[in-house]
Amino acid sequence: MELRRYGTEEARTAGLPLEELEILTREGIPLDCSSLFVSAARLERAGDLVPLGKLWSEEFEARLNLVSRQLDAIHLESGELTLLNSSLRQFVATLAPYCAFIDKRALVDEQDGRALVRIEAEGRELRQRLYAVDPLTRSGGWWSGVLDEL
């Protein structure tokens, strides 16, 4: 899984709080996760928002709110906002295992009934684990729709 790590100067210029700065410069965020998180943006502050990248085949953009520190997904055509995660930390903690699972599932032989049963069970387990990472996402947030498809 490819990670995007930002330069410290770019993160500081965007006015990121220390925790978010550390996450984006040291840990990074997963990229090219199926069609889910497809591209990272330059960290350019727009008011209280910092775009992080495109989601869902570039139909949405993930934006960090510097006041609430939550992430929202904005539909680029309609402008509709949906809660993505309560924080950047929770976004990365949800996105990384989701991406790893999608990569693993892509390797499963569709003709192997046992493998399909195992991967479906892993998907159900992952869904419960990821809802526990950020309980707010369960109630109508971005991830509720994505994880319900696992």
C-alpha atoms as a PDB file:
ATOM      1  CA  MET A   1       0.000   0.000   0.000  1.00  0.00           C
ATOM      2  CA  GLU A   2       1.408   3.334  -1.062  1.00  0.00           C
ATOM      3  CA  LEU A   3       1.528   6.102   1.556  1.00  0.00           C
ATOM      4  CA  ARG A   4       1.539   9.838   0.928  1.00  0.00           C
ATOM      5  CA  ARG A   5       3.700  11.749   3.380  1.00  0.00           C
ATOM      6  CA  TYR A   6       3.712  15.529   3.229  1.00  0.00           C
ATOM      7  CA  GLY A   7       6.647  17.831   3.775  1.00  0.00           C
ATOM      8  CA  THR A   8       6.765  19.562   7.148  1.00  0.00           C
ATOM      9  CA  GLU A   9       6.874  23.026   5.586  1.00  0.00           C
ATOM     10  CA  GLU A  10       3.780  22.343   3.463  1.00  0.00           C
ATOM     11  CA  ALA A  11       1.891  21.063   6.523  1.00  0.00           C
ATOM     12  CA  ARG A  12       2.957  24.055   8.631  1.00  0.00           C
ATOM     13  CA  THR A  13       1.991  26.519   5.891  1.00  0.00           C
ATOM     14  CA  ALA A  14      -1.503  24.981   5.838  1.00  0.00           C
ATOM     15  CA  GLY A  15      -1.797  25.776   9.547  1.00  0.00           C
ATOM     16  CA  LEU A  16      -2.315  22.191  10.674  1.00  0.00           C
ATOM     17  CA  PRO A  17      -2.534  21.472  14.393  1.00  0.00           C
ATOM     18  CA  LEU A  18       0.438  19.491  15.760  1.00  0.00           C
ATOM     19  CA  GLU A  19      -1.284  16.075  15.841  1.00  0.00           C
ATOM     20  CA  GLU A  20      -2.462  16.337  12.241  1.00  0.00           C
ATOM     21  CA  LEU A  21       0.928  17.682  11.157  1.00  0.00           C
ATOM     22  CA  GLU A  22       2.637  14.645  12.739  1.00  0.00           C
ATOM     23  CA  ILE A  23       0.242  12.198  11.085  1.00  0.00           C
ATOM     24  CA  LEU A  24       0.625  13.679   7.609  1.00  0.00           C
ATOM     25  CA  THR A  25       4.404  14.195   7.724  1.00  0.00           C
ATOM     26  CA  ARG A  26       5.541  11.092   9.619  1.00  0.00           C
ATOM     27  CA  GLU A  27       2.898   8.402   9.168  1.00  0.00           C
ATOM     28  CA  GLY A  28       1.232   9.401   5.919  1.00  0.00           C
ATOM     29  CA  ILE A  29      -2.136   8.467   4.473  1.00  0.00           C
ATOM     30  CA  PRO A  30      -2.840   5.482   2.211  1.00  0.00           C
ATOM     31  CA  LEU A  31      -3.237   6.215  -1.490  1.00  0.00           C
ATOM     32  CA  ASP A  32      -4.727   4.380  -4.436  1.00  0.00           C
ATOM     33  CA  CYS A  33      -7.100   2.396  -2.276  1.00  0.00           C
ATOM     34  CA  SER A  34      -9.369   0.848  -4.870  1.00  0.00           C
ATOM     35  CA  SER A  35     -11.587   3.741  -5.939  1.00  0.00           C
ATOM     36  CA  LEU A  36     -12.002   4.931  -2.348  1.00  0.00           C
ATOM     37  CA  PHE A  37      -9.102   7.312  -1.706  1.00  0.00           C
ATOM     38  CA  VAL A  38      -7.615   7.961  -5.081  1.00  0.00           C
ATOM     39  CA  SER A  39      -5.434  11.046  -4.889  1.00  0.00           C
ATOM     40  CA  ALA A  40      -3.877  13.351  -2.346  1.00  0.00           C
ATOM     41  CA  ALA A  41      -4.226  17.103  -2.560  1.00  0.00           C
ATOM     42  CA  ARG A  42      -1.709  19.837  -1.900  1.00  0.00           C
ATOM     43  CA  LEU A  43      -2.214  21.069   1.616  1.00  0.00           C
ATOM     44  CA  GLU A  44      -3.633  24.504   0.905  1.00  0.00           C
ATOM     45  CA  ARG A  45      -5.790  26.075   3.555  1.00  0.00           C
ATOM     46  CA  ALA A  46      -9.116  27.503   2.405  1.00  0.00           C
ATOM     47  CA  GLY A  47     -10.564  29.296   5.409  1.00  0.00           C
ATOM     48  CA  ASP A  48     -10.955  26.682   8.134  1.00  0.00           C
ATOM     49  CA  LEU A  49     -10.682  23.774   5.681  1.00  0.00           C
ATOM     50  CA  VAL A  50      -7.730  21.861   4.281  1.00  0.00           C
ATOM     51  CA  PRO A  51      -8.479  19.519   1.346  1.00  0.00           C
ATOM     52  CA  LEU A  52      -6.710  16.160   1.745  1.00  0.00           C
ATOM     53  CA  GLY A  53      -7.642  14.330  -1.427  1.00  0.00           C
ATOM     54  CA  LYS A  54     -10.256  12.851  -3.705  1.00  0.00           C
ATOM     55  CA  LEU A  55     -12.589  10.027  -2.747  1.00  0.00           C
ATOM     56  CA  TRP A  56     -14.803   7.583  -4.561  1.00  0.00           C
ATOM     57  CA  SER A  57     -13.548   7.907  -8.117  1.00  0.00           C
ATOM     58  CA  GLU A  58     -12.980  11.630  -7.582  1.00  0.00           C
ATOM     59  CA  GLU A  59     -16.663  12.388  -6.943  1.00  0.00           C
ATOM     60  CA  PHE A  60     -15.892  13.592  -3.395  1.00  0.00           C
ATOM     61  CA  GLU A  61     -13.125  15.463  -1.646  1.00  0.00           C
ATOM     62  CA  ALA A  62     -11.929  14.775   1.896  1.00  0.00           C
ATOM     63  CA  ARG A  63     -11.519  17.983   3.873  1.00  0.00           C
ATOM     64  CA  LEU A  64     -10.073  18.527   7.334  1.00  0.00           C
ATOM     65  CA  ASN A  65     -11.934  21.140   9.364  1.00  0.00           C
ATOM     66  CA  LEU A  66      -9.311  22.975  11.424  1.00  0.00           C
ATOM     67  CA  VAL A  67     -11.875  24.119  13.992  1.00  0.00           C
ATOM     68  CA  SER A  68     -13.681  20.837  14.736  1.00  0.00           C
ATOM     69  CA  ARG A  69     -10.704  18.726  13.504  1.00  0.00           C
ATOM     70  CA  GLN A  70     -13.133  16.292  11.917  1.00  0.00           C
ATOM     71  CA  LEU A  71     -13.002  15.179   8.304  1.00  0.00           C
ATOM     72  CA  ASP A  72     -15.896  15.691   5.950  1.00  0.00           C
ATOM     73  CA  ALA A  73     -16.502  14.355   2.468  1.00  0.00           C
ATOM     74  CA  ILE A  74     -17.933  16.958   0.134  1.00  0.00           C
ATOM     75  CA  HIS A  75     -19.679  15.841  -3.032  1.00  0.00           C
ATOM     76  CA  LEU A  76     -18.001  17.960  -5.680  1.00  0.00           C
ATOM     77  CA  GLU A  77     -21.072  18.282  -7.871  1.00  0.00           C
ATOM     78  CA  SER A  78     -23.833  18.887  -5.297  1.00  0.00           C
ATOM     79  CA  GLY A  79     -21.770  20.395  -2.467  1.00  0.00           C
ATOM     80  CA  GLU A  80     -23.390  17.996   0.028  1.00  0.00           C
ATOM     81  CA  LEU A  81     -21.270  17.360   3.145  1.00  0.00           C
ATOM     82  CA  THR A  82     -21.054  13.995   4.898  1.00  0.00           C
ATOM     83  CA  LEU A  83     -19.086  13.161   8.039  1.00  0.00           C
ATOM     84  CA  LEU A  84     -16.044  11.150   7.031  1.00  0.00           C
ATOM     85  CA  ASN A  85     -14.328  10.674  10.405  1.00  0.00           C
ATOM     86  CA  SER A  86     -14.149  12.385  13.768  1.00  0.00           C
ATOM     87  CA  SER A  87     -10.435  13.051  13.284  1.00  0.00           C
ATOM     88  CA  LEU A  88      -7.541  12.513  10.907  1.00  0.00           C
ATOM     89  CA  ARG A  89      -6.185   9.809  13.245  1.00  0.00           C
ATOM     90  CA  GLN A  90      -9.461   7.895  12.962  1.00  0.00           C
ATOM     91  CA  PHE A  91      -9.520   8.371   9.188  1.00  0.00           C
ATOM     92  CA  VAL A  92      -6.093   6.768   8.800  1.00  0.00           C
ATOM     93  CA  ALA A  93      -6.983   4.041  11.340  1.00  0.00           C
ATOM     94  CA  THR A  94     -10.043   3.206   9.222  1.00  0.00           C
ATOM     95  CA  LEU A  95      -8.625   3.679   5.733  1.00  0.00           C
ATOM     96  CA  ALA A  96      -5.428   1.615   6.125  1.00  0.00           C
ATOM     97  CA  PRO A  97      -7.076  -1.679   7.197  1.00  0.00           C
ATOM     98  CA  TYR A  98      -9.896  -1.147   4.710  1.00  0.00           C
ATOM     99  CA  CYS A  99      -7.375  -0.761   1.866  1.00  0.00           C
ATOM    100  CA  ALA A 100      -5.437  -3.845   3.005  1.00  0.00           C
ATOM    101  CA  PHE A 101      -8.661  -5.864   3.032  1.00  0.00           C
ATOM    102  CA  ILE A 102      -9.690  -4.666  -0.448  1.00  0.00           C
ATOM    103  CA  ASP A 103      -6.262  -5.663  -1.785  1.00  0.00           C
ATOM    104  CA  LYS A 104      -6.570  -9.089  -0.142  1.00  0.00           C
ATOM    105  CA  ARG A 105     -10.125  -9.615  -1.397  1.00  0.00           C
ATOM    106  CA  ALA A 106      -9.044  -8.833  -4.962  1.00  0.00           C
ATOM    107  CA  LEU A 107      -6.725 -11.850  -4.854  1.00  0.00           C
ATOM    108  CA  VAL A 108      -9.444 -14.327  -3.884  1.00  0.00           C
ATOM    109  CA  ASP A 109     -10.336 -16.875  -6.532  1.00  0.00           C
ATOM    110  CA  GLU A 110     -14.072 -16.407  -7.210  1.00  0.00           C
ATOM    111  CA  GLN A 111     -14.333 -20.147  -7.914  1.00  0.00           C
ATOM    112  CA  ASP A 112     -12.965 -21.132  -4.476  1.00  0.00           C
ATOM    113  CA  GLY A 113     -16.024 -21.436  -2.236  1.00  0.00           C
ATOM    114  CA  ARG A 114     -13.990 -21.815   0.984  1.00  0.00           C
ATOM    115  CA  ALA A 115     -11.901 -18.752   0.202  1.00  0.00           C
ATOM    116  CA  LEU A 116     -15.049 -16.737  -0.517  1.00  0.00           C
ATOM    117  CA  VAL A 117     -16.627 -17.781   2.793  1.00  0.00           C
ATOM    118  CA  ARG A 118     -13.414 -16.859   4.663  1.00  0.00           C
ATOM    119  CA  ILE A 119     -13.082 -13.451   3.010  1.00  0.00           C
ATOM    120  CA  GLU A 120     -16.750 -12.655   3.635  1.00  0.00           C
ATOM    121  CA  ALA A 121     -16.285 -13.518   7.321  1.00  0.00           C
ATOM    122  CA  GLU A 122     -13.165 -11.344   7.433  1.00  0.00           C
ATOM    123  CA  GLY A 123     -15.177  -8.509   5.869  1.00  0.00           C
ATOM    124  CA  ARG A 124     -17.888  -8.753   8.542  1.00  0.00           C
ATOM    125  CA  GLU A 125     -15.254  -8.811  11.289  1.00  0.00           C
ATOM    126  CA  LEU A 126     -13.438  -5.845   9.770  1.00  0.00           C
ATOM    127  CA  ARG A 127     -16.684  -3.875   9.527  1.00  0.00           C
ATOM    128  CA  GLN A 128     -17.305  -4.283  13.266  1.00  0.00           C
ATOM    129  CA  ARG A 129     -13.694  -3.430  14.110  1.00  0.00           C
ATOM    130  CA  LEU A 130     -13.739  -0.277  11.986  1.00  0.00           C
ATOM    131  CA  TYR A 131     -17.048   0.924  13.398  1.00  0.00           C
ATOM    132  CA  ALA A 132     -15.415   0.647  16.826  1.00  0.00           C
ATOM    133  CA  VAL A 133     -12.534   2.873  15.664  1.00  0.00           C
ATOM    134  CA  ASP A 134     -14.919   5.782  15.114  1.00  0.00           C
ATOM    135  CA  PRO A 135     -18.480   5.131  16.359  1.00  0.00           C
ATOM    136  CA  LEU A 136     -19.786   8.382  14.803  1.00  0.00           C
ATOM    137  CA  THR A 137     -19.266   6.901  11.352  1.00  0.00           C
ATOM    138  CA  ARG A 138     -21.870   4.227  12.045  1.00  0.00           C
ATOM    139  CA  SER A 139     -24.774   6.665  12.150  1.00  0.00           C
ATOM    140  CA  GLY A 140     -25.074   7.848   8.579  1.00  0.00           C
ATOM    141  CA  GLY A 141     -21.488   8.912   8.007  1.00  0.00           C
ATOM    142  CA  TRP A 142     -19.430   8.240   4.900  1.00  0.00           C
ATOM    143  CA  TRP A 143     -18.102   4.922   6.151  1.00  0.00           C
ATOM    144  CA  SER A 144     -21.516   3.471   6.993  1.00  0.00           C
ATOM    145  CA  GLY A 145     -22.304   3.081   3.295  1.00  0.00           C
ATOM    146  CA  VAL A 146     -18.837   1.850   2.376  1.00  0.00           C
ATOM    147  CA  LEU A 147     -18.497  -0.649   5.229  1.00  0.00           C
ATOM    148  CA  ASP A 148     -21.993  -2.055   4.805  1.00  0.00           C
ATOM    149  CA  GLU A 149     -20.847  -3.305   1.395  1.00  0.00           C
ATOM    150  CA  LEU A 150     -18.050  -5.459   2.878  1.00  0.00           C
END
